[in-house]
Amino acid sequence: AIDWVKEATVARVWPNRVVVRVAERQPVAFVTLAPSRFGLIDGDGVILPPTADRFHLPVLRGVRVSDPLPDRRDRVQRMQRVLRELGDNASKVAEVDMTDRGDIRVTQPYDGHMVTLILGDQHFAVRYQNFLNHYAEIHDKLPGAGVLDLRLEDRITVVDEPGGA
């Protein structure tokens, strides 16, 4: 009945022992519960009550408390797949937007400001590496570029510019 308990078993071992095993849920991201109120979500899509513990986790957008558990689980597992593919770079990701499952976006600080990368739904590591390889050139030409579309393999498109529409 405790939200943080994923699984618990109690076994009686003859003649006079009891073995209790408890598996705790492990949060994988923060989710927005209400404006300016955040909670945690585990790998199964279960939303966990707040805790005083401190976590260094990304914010997962596109998940609501009212969503059915299978939908939340699917979005969390997709987020985890993206982060696995990004490897060591995953620790830099501040936010993963799963609002549109076919158009996954990650936001992270880079070179002193926040950058949103539109990764699509596949080839996350290749697309991210393309960003790393070409960011200096993009930054030189468009220093305020904040949203970059990486879905086309042969180019990076700047989606918005400061003061633009």
Protein backbone atom coordinates (compact mmCIF):
# COMPACT_ATOMS: atom_id res chain seq x y z
CA ALA A 1 0.00 0.00 0.00
CA ILE A 2 3.05 2.30 0.10
CA ASP A 3 3.53 4.12 -3.22
CA TRP A 4 7.32 3.78 -3.18
CA VAL A 5 7.17 -0.02 -2.82
CA LYS A 6 7.31 -1.72 -6.19
CA GLU A 7 7.14 -5.26 -4.88
CA ALA A 8 7.18 -6.94 -1.50
CA THR A 9 7.31 -10.62 -0.61
CA VAL A 10 7.14 -12.39 2.71
CA ALA A 11 8.22 -16.00 3.00
CA ARG A 12 8.22 -18.29 5.97
CA VAL A 13 11.34 -20.44 6.10
CA TRP A 14 10.92 -23.55 8.18
CA PRO A 15 11.22 -23.89 11.13
CA ASN A 16 11.28 -20.39 12.61
CA ARG A 17 12.38 -17.70 10.13
CA VAL A 18 10.57 -15.08 8.08
CA VAL A 19 12.24 -13.50 5.03
CA VAL A 20 10.93 -10.16 3.80
CA ARG A 21 12.06 -8.71 0.48
CA VAL A 22 11.11 -5.19 -0.60
CA ALA A 23 11.87 -3.67 -4.00
CA GLU A 24 11.62 0.10 -4.03
CA ARG A 25 10.50 2.12 -7.05
CA GLN A 26 13.30 4.12 -8.63
CA PRO A 27 12.36 7.52 -10.05
CA VAL A 28 13.66 8.25 -13.56
CA ALA A 29 12.25 11.75 -14.18
CA PHE A 30 10.30 14.65 -12.78
CA VAL A 31 6.78 15.28 -14.12
CA THR A 32 4.51 18.30 -13.81
CA LEU A 33 1.57 17.55 -11.54
CA ALA A 34 0.12 21.07 -11.58
CA PRO A 35 1.50 24.51 -12.40
CA SER A 36 4.67 24.95 -10.34
CA ARG A 37 4.19 21.53 -8.68
CA PHE A 38 6.36 18.57 -9.64
CA GLY A 39 6.37 14.88 -8.80
CA LEU A 40 8.49 11.91 -9.74
CA ILE A 41 7.80 9.06 -12.15
CA ASP A 42 9.40 5.62 -12.25
CA GLY A 43 10.25 3.38 -15.19
CA ASP A 44 6.81 1.75 -15.07
CA GLY A 45 4.99 5.08 -15.41
CA VAL A 46 3.91 5.17 -11.77
CA ILE A 47 3.76 8.70 -10.41
CA LEU A 48 5.37 8.84 -6.99
CA PRO A 49 4.55 11.20 -4.13
CA PRO A 50 7.07 13.93 -3.33
CA THR A 51 10.03 13.16 -1.13
CA ALA A 52 12.67 15.19 0.65
CA ASP A 53 15.41 13.31 -1.23
CA ARG A 54 17.30 15.16 -3.96
CA PHE A 55 17.51 13.75 -7.46
CA HIS A 56 19.38 14.83 -10.58
CA LEU A 57 16.80 13.78 -13.18
CA PRO A 58 15.36 15.32 -16.34
CA VAL A 59 11.86 16.73 -16.51
CA LEU A 60 9.56 14.58 -18.63
CA ARG A 61 6.98 16.64 -20.56
CA GLY A 62 3.90 15.18 -22.21
CA VAL A 63 2.84 13.00 -19.28
CA ARG A 64 -0.21 13.84 -17.19
CA VAL A 65 -1.48 12.29 -13.98
CA SER A 66 -4.78 11.61 -15.77
CA ASP A 67 -3.10 9.57 -18.56
CA PRO A 68 -3.70 5.81 -18.40
CA LEU A 69 -0.79 3.89 -16.87
CA PRO A 70 0.11 2.11 -20.16
CA ASP A 71 0.48 5.50 -21.92
CA ARG A 72 2.66 6.89 -19.14
CA ARG A 73 4.76 3.70 -19.16
CA ASP A 74 5.24 3.94 -22.94
CA ARG A 75 6.37 7.57 -22.77
CA VAL A 76 8.77 6.87 -19.89
CA GLN A 77 10.27 3.88 -21.72
CA ARG A 78 10.73 5.96 -24.88
CA MET A 79 12.44 8.66 -22.82
CA GLN A 80 14.74 6.05 -21.30
CA ARG A 81 15.57 4.74 -24.79
CA VAL A 82 16.53 8.25 -25.93
CA LEU A 83 18.73 8.77 -22.88
CA ARG A 84 20.38 5.35 -23.29
CA GLU A 85 21.21 6.15 -26.91
CA LEU A 86 22.69 9.52 -25.92
CA GLY A 87 25.06 7.70 -23.56
CA ASP A 88 27.28 10.02 -21.52
CA ASN A 89 25.54 13.07 -23.02
CA ALA A 90 22.26 12.04 -21.35
CA SER A 91 23.39 13.55 -18.05
CA LYS A 92 23.32 17.00 -19.72
CA VAL A 93 19.65 16.70 -20.71
CA ALA A 94 17.39 18.89 -18.57
CA GLU A 95 14.08 18.06 -20.23
CA VAL A 96 12.60 15.45 -22.57
CA ASP A 97 9.37 16.40 -24.31
CA MET A 98 7.30 13.35 -25.23
CA THR A 99 4.11 15.27 -26.05
CA ASP A 100 4.33 14.01 -29.63
CA ARG A 101 5.81 10.49 -29.55
CA GLY A 102 7.02 10.81 -33.13
CA ASP A 103 8.69 14.15 -32.51
CA ILE A 104 10.81 13.79 -29.38
CA ARG A 105 12.59 16.91 -28.17
CA VAL A 106 15.36 17.31 -25.62
CA THR A 107 16.39 20.55 -23.95
CA GLN A 108 19.74 21.10 -22.34
CA PRO A 109 22.16 23.85 -21.46
CA TYR A 110 24.85 24.23 -24.08
CA ASP A 111 27.49 26.90 -24.41
CA GLY A 112 25.82 29.16 -21.87
CA HIS A 113 22.18 28.96 -22.95
CA MET A 114 19.34 26.47 -23.31
CA VAL A 115 19.04 24.61 -26.60
CA THR A 116 16.09 22.48 -27.69
CA LEU A 117 16.89 19.68 -30.13
CA ILE A 118 14.12 18.11 -32.19
CA LEU A 119 15.25 14.50 -32.57
CA GLY A 120 12.21 12.86 -34.16
CA ASP A 121 11.62 9.20 -33.26
CA GLN A 122 14.83 7.37 -34.21
CA HIS A 123 18.62 7.64 -34.66
CA PHE A 124 18.95 9.76 -31.53
CA ALA A 125 22.69 9.23 -31.02
CA VAL A 126 23.55 9.97 -34.66
CA ARG A 127 21.42 13.11 -34.69
CA TYR A 128 22.84 14.30 -31.40
CA GLN A 129 26.39 13.74 -32.64
CA ASN A 130 25.51 15.75 -35.76
CA PHE A 131 24.49 18.59 -33.44
CA LEU A 132 27.77 18.36 -31.52
CA ASN A 133 29.80 18.31 -34.73
CA HIS A 134 28.13 21.42 -36.16
CA TYR A 135 27.06 23.48 -33.17
CA ALA A 136 30.08 25.82 -33.22
CA GLU A 137 29.35 26.76 -36.84
CA ILE A 138 25.65 27.30 -36.10
CA HIS A 139 26.48 29.37 -33.04
CA ASP A 140 28.88 31.55 -35.05
CA LYS A 141 26.24 32.28 -37.71
CA LEU A 142 23.17 32.42 -35.42
CA PRO A 143 24.29 32.90 -31.82
CA GLY A 144 20.73 33.10 -30.51
CA ALA A 145 19.46 29.90 -32.14
CA GLY A 146 17.49 28.08 -29.47
CA VAL A 147 15.53 25.36 -31.29
CA LEU A 148 17.29 23.10 -33.78
CA ASP A 149 15.58 20.50 -35.94
CA LEU A 150 17.83 17.46 -36.37
CA ARG A 151 15.33 15.13 -38.05
CA LEU A 152 16.88 15.41 -41.52
CA GLU A 153 20.12 13.46 -41.71
CA ASP A 154 21.94 15.90 -44.01
CA ARG A 155 21.11 19.22 -42.32
CA ILE A 156 20.24 21.06 -39.15
CA THR A 157 17.44 23.60 -39.38
CA VAL A 158 17.08 26.51 -37.00
CA VAL A 159 13.42 26.63 -36.02
CA ASP A 160 13.38 29.98 -34.27
CA GLU A 161 15.57 33.01 -33.78
CA PRO A 162 15.38 35.71 -31.10
CA GLY A 163 12.77 38.27 -32.08
CA GLY A 164 11.50 36.00 -34.86
CA ALA A 165 7.98 34.75 -35.41
